[in-house]
C-alpha atoms as a PDB file:
ATOM      1  CA  MET A   1      30.431 -10.949  11.834  1.00  0.00           C
ATOM      2  CA  LYS A   2      28.479  -7.434  11.483  1.00  0.00           C
ATOM      3  CA  THR A   3      25.728  -8.059   9.788  1.00  0.00           C
ATOM      4  CA  PRO A   4      25.705  -5.677   6.616  1.00  0.00           C
ATOM      5  CA  PHE A   5      23.368  -2.627   5.963  1.00  0.00           C
ATOM      6  CA  TYR A   6      21.294  -4.171   3.392  1.00  0.00           C
ATOM      7  CA  LEU A   7      20.620  -7.802   5.128  1.00  0.00           C
ATOM      8  CA  MET A   8      19.472  -5.411   8.115  1.00  0.00           C
ATOM      9  CA  VAL A   9      16.920  -3.257   5.858  1.00  0.00           C
ATOM     10  CA  PHE A  10      15.927  -6.821   4.398  1.00  0.00           C
ATOM     11  CA  LYS A  11      15.197  -8.295   7.687  1.00  0.00           C
ATOM     12  CA  THR A  12      13.539  -5.336   9.155  1.00  0.00           C
ATOM     13  CA  PHE A  13      11.080  -4.817   6.255  1.00  0.00           C
ATOM     14  CA  HIS A  14      10.394  -8.728   6.678  1.00  0.00           C
ATOM     15  CA  ALA A  15       9.942  -8.693  10.259  1.00  0.00           C
ATOM     16  CA  GLN A  16       7.573  -5.591   9.674  1.00  0.00           C
ATOM     17  CA  ARG A  17       5.531  -7.181   6.979  1.00  0.00           C
ATOM     18  CA  ASN A  18       5.125 -10.349   8.815  1.00  0.00           C
ATOM     19  CA  GLN A  19       3.637  -8.468  11.677  1.00  0.00           C
ATOM     20  CA  ILE A  20       1.487  -6.556   9.247  1.00  0.00           C
ATOM     21  CA  ARG A  21       0.089  -9.706   7.175  1.00  0.00           C
ATOM     22  CA  LYS A  22      -0.283 -11.728  10.284  1.00  0.00           C
ATOM     23  CA  ASP A  23      -4.130 -11.084  10.360  1.00  0.00           C
ATOM     24  CA  MET A  24      -4.807 -10.067   7.059  1.00  0.00           C
ATOM     25  CA  GLU A  25      -7.491 -12.387   6.303  1.00  0.00           C
ATOM     26  CA  SER A  26      -9.605 -10.945   9.097  1.00  0.00           C
ATOM     27  CA  TYR A  27      -9.804  -8.125   6.892  1.00  0.00           C
ATOM     28  CA  GLU A  28     -10.975 -10.087   3.920  1.00  0.00           C
ATOM     29  CA  LEU A  29      -7.754  -8.469   2.097  1.00  0.00           C
ATOM     30  CA  SER A  30      -4.708 -10.027   0.501  1.00  0.00           C
ATOM     31  CA  PRO A  31      -1.355  -8.662  -0.246  1.00  0.00           C
ATOM     32  CA  GLY A  32      -1.356  -5.736  -2.495  1.00  0.00           C
ATOM     33  CA  GLN A  33      -4.750  -4.960  -2.304  1.00  0.00           C
ATOM     34  CA  PRO A  34      -4.840  -2.343   0.829  1.00  0.00           C
ATOM     35  CA  LYS A  35      -2.389  -0.110  -1.018  1.00  0.00           C
ATOM     36  CA  VAL A  36      -4.560  -0.394  -4.647  1.00  0.00           C
ATOM     37  CA  LEU A  37      -7.793   0.410  -2.181  1.00  0.00           C
ATOM     38  CA  ARG A  38      -5.780   3.471  -0.898  1.00  0.00           C
ATOM     39  CA  TYR A  39      -4.976   4.824  -4.110  1.00  0.00           C
ATOM     40  CA  VAL A  40      -8.206   4.450  -5.765  1.00  0.00           C
ATOM     41  CA  LEU A  41      -9.780   6.180  -2.822  1.00  0.00           C
ATOM     42  CA  GLY A  42      -8.129   9.500  -3.377  1.00  0.00           C
ATOM     43  CA  ASN A  43      -8.186   9.013  -7.190  1.00  0.00           C
ATOM     44  CA  GLU A  44     -11.544   7.542  -8.187  1.00  0.00           C
ATOM     45  CA  ASN A  45     -11.463   8.009 -11.972  1.00  0.00           C
ATOM     46  CA  CYS A  46      -8.001   6.838 -12.872  1.00  0.00           C
ATOM     47  CA  MET A  47      -6.182   4.613 -15.360  1.00  0.00           C
ATOM     48  CA  LEU A  48      -4.651   1.097 -14.591  1.00  0.00           C
ATOM     49  CA  LYS A  49      -0.930   2.597 -15.462  1.00  0.00           C
ATOM     50  CA  ASP A  50      -1.388   5.351 -13.005  1.00  0.00           C
ATOM     51  CA  ILE A  51      -2.558   2.637 -10.236  1.00  0.00           C
ATOM     52  CA  ALA A  52       0.640   0.494 -11.289  1.00  0.00           C
ATOM     53  CA  GLU A  53       3.060   3.598 -10.986  1.00  0.00           C
ATOM     54  CA  ALA A  54       1.828   4.770  -7.487  1.00  0.00           C
ATOM     55  CA  CYS A  55       1.773   0.964  -5.816  1.00  0.00           C
ATOM     56  CA  ASP A  56       5.174   0.417  -8.110  1.00  0.00           C
ATOM     57  CA  VAL A  57       3.819  -2.918  -9.567  1.00  0.00           C
ATOM     58  CA  GLU A  58       3.128  -3.952 -12.709  1.00  0.00           C
ATOM     59  CA  CYS A  59      -0.402  -3.230 -14.690  1.00  0.00           C
ATOM     60  CA  ALA A  60      -0.872  -7.092 -14.827  1.00  0.00           C
ATOM     61  CA  THR A  61      -0.839  -7.322 -11.169  1.00  0.00           C
ATOM     62  CA  VAL A  62      -3.240  -4.070 -10.803  1.00  0.00           C
ATOM     63  CA  SER A  63      -5.542  -5.779 -12.871  1.00  0.00           C
ATOM     64  CA  ARG A  64      -5.587  -9.106 -11.078  1.00  0.00           C
ATOM     65  CA  ILE A  65      -6.062  -6.937  -7.833  1.00  0.00           C
ATOM     66  CA  LEU A  66      -8.853  -4.944  -9.229  1.00  0.00           C
ATOM     67  CA  THR A  67     -10.684  -8.121 -10.290  1.00  0.00           C
ATOM     68  CA  SER A  68     -10.096  -9.949  -6.738  1.00  0.00           C
ATOM     69  CA  LEU A  69     -11.315  -6.581  -5.110  1.00  0.00           C
ATOM     70  CA  GLU A  70     -14.309  -6.566  -7.275  1.00  0.00           C
ATOM     71  CA  GLU A  71     -15.039 -10.189  -6.435  1.00  0.00           C
ATOM     72  CA  LYS A  72     -15.080  -9.542  -2.718  1.00  0.00           C
ATOM     73  CA  LYS A  73     -17.635  -6.839  -3.596  1.00  0.00           C
ATOM     74  CA  MET A  74     -15.076  -3.955  -2.057  1.00  0.00           C
ATOM     75  CA  LEU A  75     -14.848  -2.001  -5.467  1.00  0.00           C
ATOM     76  CA  ILE A  76     -16.755  -1.532  -8.539  1.00  0.00           C
ATOM     77  CA  ARG A  77     -15.332  -1.022 -11.803  1.00  0.00           C
ATOM     78  CA  THR A  78     -16.773   0.417 -14.976  1.00  0.00           C
ATOM     79  CA  ILE A  79     -14.914   1.843 -18.447  1.00  0.00           C
ATOM     80  CA  ASP A  80     -15.319   5.493 -18.894  1.00  0.00           C
ATOM     81  CA  ALA A  81     -17.364   6.233 -21.888  1.00  0.00           C
ATOM     82  CA  LYS A  82     -15.633   9.390 -22.591  1.00  0.00           C
ATOM     83  CA  ASN A  83     -12.472   7.665 -22.089  1.00  0.00           C
ATOM     84  CA  LYS A  84     -12.197   4.144 -22.898  1.00  0.00           C
ATOM     85  CA  ARG A  85      -8.511   3.808 -21.027  1.00  0.00           C
ATOM     86  CA  ALA A  86      -9.822   5.417 -18.317  1.00  0.00           C
ATOM     87  CA  LEU A  87     -11.433   3.422 -15.269  1.00  0.00           C
ATOM     88  CA  LYS A  88     -14.265   4.519 -13.421  1.00  0.00           C
ATOM     89  CA  LEU A  89     -13.289   2.789  -9.969  1.00  0.00           C
ATOM     90  CA  CYS A  90     -15.412   3.233  -6.752  1.00  0.00           C
ATOM     91  CA  ILE A  91     -14.625   1.550  -3.360  1.00  0.00           C
ATOM     92  CA  THR A  92     -17.864   0.222  -1.693  1.00  0.00           C
ATOM     93  CA  GLU A  93     -18.492   0.517   1.776  1.00  0.00           C
ATOM     94  CA  LYS A  94     -17.410  -3.319   2.733  1.00  0.00           C
ATOM     95  CA  GLY A  95     -13.870  -1.622   0.772  1.00  0.00           C
ATOM     96  CA  LYS A  96     -14.071   1.477   2.825  1.00  0.00           C
ATOM     97  CA  HIS A  97     -14.528  -0.284   6.163  1.00  0.00           C
ATOM     98  CA  ALA A  98     -11.956  -3.075   5.284  1.00  0.00           C
ATOM     99  CA  LEU A  99      -9.369  -0.169   4.428  1.00  0.00           C
ATOM    100  CA  GLN A 100     -10.222   1.470   7.800  1.00  0.00           C
ATOM    101  CA  GLU A 101      -9.425  -1.327   9.644  1.00  0.00           C
ATOM    102  CA  TRP A 102      -6.444  -1.966   7.865  1.00  0.00           C
ATOM    103  CA  ASN A 103      -5.099   1.495   8.205  1.00  0.00           C
ATOM    104  CA  ALA A 104      -5.761   1.024  12.105  1.00  0.00           C
ATOM    105  CA  HIS A 105      -3.714  -2.071  12.357  1.00  0.00           C
ATOM    106  CA  CYS A 106      -0.982  -0.717  10.460  1.00  0.00           C
ATOM    107  CA  LYS A 107      -0.791   2.184  12.908  1.00  0.00           C
ATOM    108  CA  GLU A 108      -0.453  -0.399  15.694  1.00  0.00           C
ATOM    109  CA  VAL A 109       2.396  -2.171  13.977  1.00  0.00           C
ATOM    110  CA  GLU A 110       4.023   1.363  13.140  1.00  0.00           C
ATOM    111  CA  ALA A 111       3.849   2.252  16.777  1.00  0.00           C
ATOM    112  CA  LEU A 112       5.402  -1.481  17.755  1.00  0.00           C
ATOM    113  CA  SER A 113       8.251  -0.935  15.298  1.00  0.00           C
ATOM    114  CA  LEU A 114       8.984   2.849  16.420  1.00  0.00           C
ATOM    115  CA  LYS A 115       8.742   1.934  20.177  1.00  0.00           C
ATOM    116  CA  GLY A 116      11.389   3.854  22.232  1.00  0.00           C
ATOM    117  CA  PHE A 117      12.035   6.300  19.102  1.00  0.00           C
ATOM    118  CA  SER A 118      11.528  10.169  20.164  1.00  0.00           C
ATOM    119  CA  GLU A 119       9.375  12.009  17.768  1.00  0.00           C
ATOM    120  CA  GLU A 120      13.103  13.812  16.482  1.00  0.00           C
ATOM    121  CA  GLU A 121      14.348  10.623  15.623  1.00  0.00           C
ATOM    122  CA  GLN A 122      11.058   9.361  14.083  1.00  0.00           C
ATOM    123  CA  GLU A 123      11.207  12.594  11.839  1.00  0.00           C
ATOM    124  CA  GLN A 124      14.655  12.055  10.848  1.00  0.00           C
ATOM    125  CA  PHE A 125      14.224   8.308  10.258  1.00  0.00           C
ATOM    126  CA  LYS A 126      11.200   8.933   7.877  1.00  0.00           C
ATOM    127  CA  GLN A 127      13.725  11.575   5.943  1.00  0.00           C
ATOM    128  CA  PHE A 128      16.458   9.028   5.591  1.00  0.00           C
ATOM    129  CA  LEU A 129      13.530   6.535   3.980  1.00  0.00           C
ATOM    130  CA  ASN A 130      12.546   8.963   1.718  1.00  0.00           C
ATOM    131  CA  ARG A 131      16.223   9.811   0.775  1.00  0.00           C
ATOM    132  CA  MET A 132      16.780   6.121   0.326  1.00  0.00           C
ATOM    133  CA  TYR A 133      13.397   5.779  -1.779  1.00  0.00           C
ATOM    134  CA  HIS A 134      14.528   8.310  -4.065  1.00  0.00           C
ATOM    135  CA  ASN A 135      18.066   6.956  -5.041  1.00  0.00           C
ATOM    136  CA  LEU A 136      16.688   3.866  -5.765  1.00  0.00           C
ATOM    137  CA  SER A 137      13.648   4.944  -7.725  1.00  0.00           C
ATOM    138  CA  ASN A 138      13.877   8.629  -8.678  1.00  0.00           C
ATOM    139  CA  LYS A 139      10.588   8.934  -6.772  1.00  0.00           C
ATOM    140  CA  THR A 140       9.728  10.515  -3.421  1.00  0.00           C
ATOM    141  CA  LEU A 141       7.456   9.259  -0.783  1.00  0.00           C
ATOM    142  CA  ASP A 142       4.453  11.510   0.163  1.00  0.00           C
END
């Protein structure tokens, strides 16, 4: 019996996630934290809802992640005096280092995932994933 497409996508996603998360503790990061750090790095004064939307998670989840990152001294969070709903988020050197190490690890997993794919196939695959994501979420990937 042939594996259905949805199961192929599901199994591939889990295989990649397992490779990525395998050494997560060595970066002092837990699931969800890298994508929040990545967003905050480029958007230091933002609102919780902006982070949630960009990371495809609930506001309550973002709030828990921010608290955890603060406890780990990877992020400093203050309330904007001019706009009480906006957060002033600043990634500490520890957070920047963890994110840099994490990104390098993810690049290694990406290289393993795409081993044997030509550059043209990789570009085409990215276009397919972007189109699929748009079909499911009405959003585009950068």
